[in-house]
Amino acid sequence: MQQNPGFSQAEIHKLREECEAEGQSFVMVEDELELADSGEYLQFQFIGKYEGKEVIYDAALFTLELHYQSQLMELAEQRVAKMHKGFVPLDERKPGYRAKPEIDELVQEFMEEIEEEDSLKVSEFIELDADFEFGIGLEVALNVEEINSQVIAEFIKDFNAGTFKPDTNLYSFKQED
């Protein structure tokens, strides 16, 4: 069984040097930077402890509003899929997929209906994936306006100190017309 490279001392040392060179407690994951422009999502790596050992965490941090919008889309697509057996969700479509505008409009209508009902609520969360291919994977949603270096640094400080507690209050994010 091959060891996860995110646990190797050589990789941890390399990441520590990169962090020091950038003057931060983390480094951005370069291949995900094009998504970073919105301020709703950033992927980064940092060093922390897992089961008493140093490890590299590969974290995806996004705003709670982005999580809400994602859940809203998923619920609407599930409703459409029940009505139209051949429906393919947006994130599963392959190049060349022939969309049916009237069905895609139905997704939008269901999203608006769910928002109007205010039936979807979300809360902050943190999910840890110990079987990640490089180190430990983290998915985190925070109720902040924007994901930026300051938010990331604060999260890492609290996470590594063991004091990070997700806000369990439920929120919805109705879009303005």
Protein backbone atom coordinates (compact mmCIF):
# COMPACT_ATOMS: atom_id res chain seq x y z
CA MET A 1 0.00 0.00 0.00
CA GLN A 2 1.47 3.32 -1.08
CA GLN A 3 1.71 6.03 1.54
CA ASN A 4 -0.25 9.24 1.05
CA PRO A 5 2.35 11.85 -0.03
CA GLY A 6 0.62 14.54 2.07
CA PHE A 7 1.94 12.76 5.16
CA SER A 8 5.57 12.62 3.95
CA GLN A 9 8.11 14.76 5.80
CA ALA A 10 9.68 15.82 2.48
CA GLU A 11 6.35 17.22 1.18
CA ILE A 12 5.59 18.86 4.53
CA HIS A 13 9.06 20.48 4.54
CA LYS A 14 8.55 21.69 0.95
CA LEU A 15 5.16 23.23 1.81
CA ARG A 16 6.57 24.86 4.96
CA GLU A 17 9.28 26.52 2.82
CA GLU A 18 6.67 27.71 0.27
CA CYS A 19 4.55 29.17 3.09
CA GLU A 20 7.56 30.97 4.55
CA ALA A 21 8.53 32.34 1.13
CA GLU A 22 5.01 33.75 0.71
CA GLY A 23 4.86 35.00 4.31
CA GLN A 24 1.61 33.15 4.97
CA SER A 25 0.39 30.04 6.79
CA PHE A 26 -0.88 28.55 3.50
CA VAL A 27 -0.30 28.37 -0.24
CA MET A 28 -2.95 28.63 -2.90
CA VAL A 29 -3.60 25.62 -5.13
CA GLU A 30 -2.52 27.04 -8.49
CA ASP A 31 -4.77 24.98 -10.79
CA GLU A 32 -7.86 26.30 -8.99
CA LEU A 33 -6.97 30.00 -9.09
CA GLU A 34 -9.26 30.84 -12.02
CA LEU A 35 -12.23 30.18 -9.72
CA ALA A 36 -10.77 32.50 -7.08
CA ASP A 37 -11.74 35.74 -8.81
CA SER A 38 -15.31 35.61 -7.51
CA GLY A 39 -14.20 35.65 -3.86
CA GLU A 40 -16.69 32.85 -3.20
CA TYR A 41 -14.21 29.97 -3.26
CA LEU A 42 -10.51 29.33 -2.71
CA GLN A 43 -8.49 26.14 -2.53
CA PHE A 44 -5.30 26.12 -0.50
CA GLN A 45 -2.91 23.87 1.40
CA PHE A 46 -1.58 24.25 4.93
CA ILE A 47 0.21 22.20 7.56
CA GLY A 48 -1.68 20.90 10.55
CA LYS A 49 -1.92 17.86 12.78
CA TYR A 50 -3.96 14.72 12.24
CA GLU A 51 -3.96 11.96 14.84
CA GLY A 52 -0.95 13.60 16.48
CA LYS A 53 1.16 13.73 13.30
CA GLU A 54 1.97 16.62 10.97
CA VAL A 55 0.10 16.46 7.69
CA ILE A 56 -0.76 18.64 4.72
CA TYR A 57 -4.39 19.71 4.57
CA ASP A 58 -5.84 20.42 1.13
CA ALA A 59 -8.77 22.71 1.83
CA ALA A 60 -11.62 24.04 -0.27
CA LEU A 61 -13.16 27.03 1.48
CA PHE A 62 -16.30 28.65 0.15
CA THR A 63 -18.91 31.13 1.23
CA LEU A 64 -22.10 29.86 2.79
CA GLU A 65 -24.01 31.73 0.08
CA LEU A 66 -22.21 29.75 -2.65
CA HIS A 67 -23.06 26.54 -0.76
CA TYR A 68 -26.70 27.70 -0.59
CA GLN A 69 -26.79 28.41 -4.34
CA SER A 70 -25.26 25.00 -5.06
CA GLN A 71 -27.84 23.23 -2.87
CA LEU A 72 -30.62 25.27 -4.46
CA MET A 73 -29.53 24.20 -7.95
CA GLU A 74 -29.25 20.57 -6.84
CA LEU A 75 -32.77 20.54 -5.37
CA ALA A 76 -34.24 22.13 -8.49
CA GLU A 77 -32.40 19.68 -10.75
CA GLN A 78 -33.71 16.76 -8.67
CA ARG A 79 -37.27 17.99 -9.15
CA VAL A 80 -36.73 18.32 -12.91
CA ALA A 81 -35.11 14.86 -13.10
CA LYS A 82 -38.23 13.31 -11.53
CA MET A 83 -40.36 14.89 -14.26
CA HIS A 84 -38.01 14.40 -17.24
CA LYS A 85 -36.17 11.06 -17.21
CA GLY A 86 -33.49 12.12 -19.76
CA PHE A 87 -32.50 15.27 -17.85
CA VAL A 88 -28.75 15.64 -17.23
CA PRO A 89 -27.68 18.03 -14.42
CA LEU A 90 -25.51 20.95 -15.54
CA ASP A 91 -22.31 19.72 -13.87
CA GLU A 92 -22.64 16.28 -15.50
CA ARG A 93 -23.09 17.47 -19.08
CA LYS A 94 -20.48 16.42 -21.62
CA PRO A 95 -19.36 18.55 -24.59
CA GLY A 96 -21.91 18.20 -27.37
CA TYR A 97 -24.84 17.76 -24.97
CA ARG A 98 -27.97 19.13 -26.62
CA ALA A 99 -29.78 21.17 -23.99
CA LYS A 100 -33.53 21.63 -24.10
CA PRO A 101 -34.11 25.31 -23.20
CA GLU A 102 -37.61 24.68 -21.86
CA ILE A 103 -36.29 22.07 -19.41
CA ASP A 104 -33.39 24.29 -18.31
CA GLU A 105 -35.91 27.10 -17.76
CA LEU A 106 -37.84 24.72 -15.53
CA VAL A 107 -34.74 24.34 -13.34
CA GLN A 108 -34.63 28.13 -12.98
CA GLU A 109 -38.35 28.24 -12.15
CA PHE A 110 -37.92 25.58 -9.44
CA MET A 111 -34.95 27.48 -8.00
CA GLU A 112 -37.08 30.62 -7.76
CA GLU A 113 -39.96 28.64 -6.23
CA ILE A 114 -37.72 27.09 -3.55
CA GLU A 115 -36.30 30.53 -2.76
CA GLU A 116 -39.78 32.05 -2.59
CA GLU A 117 -40.92 29.27 -0.20
CA ASP A 118 -37.74 29.91 1.84
CA SER A 119 -37.64 26.13 2.36
CA LEU A 120 -33.87 25.72 1.95
CA LYS A 121 -31.64 26.57 4.90
CA VAL A 122 -27.91 25.92 5.24
CA SER A 123 -25.34 26.25 8.01
CA GLU A 124 -21.57 26.43 8.17
CA PHE A 125 -19.83 23.09 8.05
CA ILE A 126 -16.48 21.38 7.86
CA GLU A 127 -16.01 17.96 6.25
CA LEU A 128 -12.78 16.04 6.62
CA ASP A 129 -11.69 13.43 4.06
CA ALA A 130 -8.97 11.20 5.53
CA ASP A 131 -8.85 9.14 2.31
CA PHE A 132 -7.87 12.13 0.16
CA GLU A 133 -5.19 11.47 -2.47
CA PHE A 134 -2.81 14.12 -1.05
CA GLY A 135 -2.87 14.70 2.69
CA ILE A 136 -6.23 15.29 4.32
CA GLY A 137 -9.04 16.91 2.35
CA LEU A 138 -11.20 19.59 3.92
CA GLU A 139 -14.39 21.17 2.62
CA VAL A 140 -15.50 24.19 4.59
CA ALA A 141 -18.37 26.65 4.17
CA LEU A 142 -18.22 29.89 6.16
CA ASN A 143 -20.82 32.60 6.51
CA VAL A 144 -18.59 35.39 5.21
CA GLU A 145 -19.02 37.87 2.37
CA GLU A 146 -15.77 36.90 0.68
CA ILE A 147 -13.05 34.26 0.96
CA ASN A 148 -9.71 36.06 1.13
CA SER A 149 -6.26 35.67 2.70
CA GLN A 150 -7.40 37.10 6.03
CA VAL A 151 -10.38 34.70 6.27
CA ILE A 152 -8.12 31.75 5.36
CA ALA A 153 -5.43 32.72 7.90
CA GLU A 154 -8.04 33.09 10.65
CA PHE A 155 -9.61 29.73 9.76
CA ILE A 156 -6.20 27.97 9.83
CA LYS A 157 -5.33 29.58 13.19
CA ASP A 158 -8.62 28.43 14.74
CA PHE A 159 -8.52 25.00 13.06
CA ASN A 160 -4.96 24.26 14.21
CA ALA A 161 -5.75 25.53 17.73
CA GLY A 162 -8.76 23.21 17.85
CA THR A 163 -11.09 26.16 18.46
CA PHE A 164 -12.90 26.26 15.09
CA LYS A 165 -16.62 25.73 15.62
CA PRO A 166 -18.97 26.02 12.64
CA ASP A 167 -21.97 28.30 13.14
CA THR A 168 -24.94 25.89 13.30
CA ASN A 169 -27.56 28.61 12.75
CA LEU A 170 -29.56 28.07 9.58
CA TYR A 171 -29.47 30.66 6.80
CA SER A 172 -31.06 31.25 3.42
CA PHE A 173 -29.86 33.66 0.78
CA LYS A 174 -32.77 34.98 -1.24
CA GLN A 175 -31.65 36.67 -4.43
CA GLU A 176 -32.82 40.21 -5.04
CA ASP A 177 -35.06 40.50 -8.10
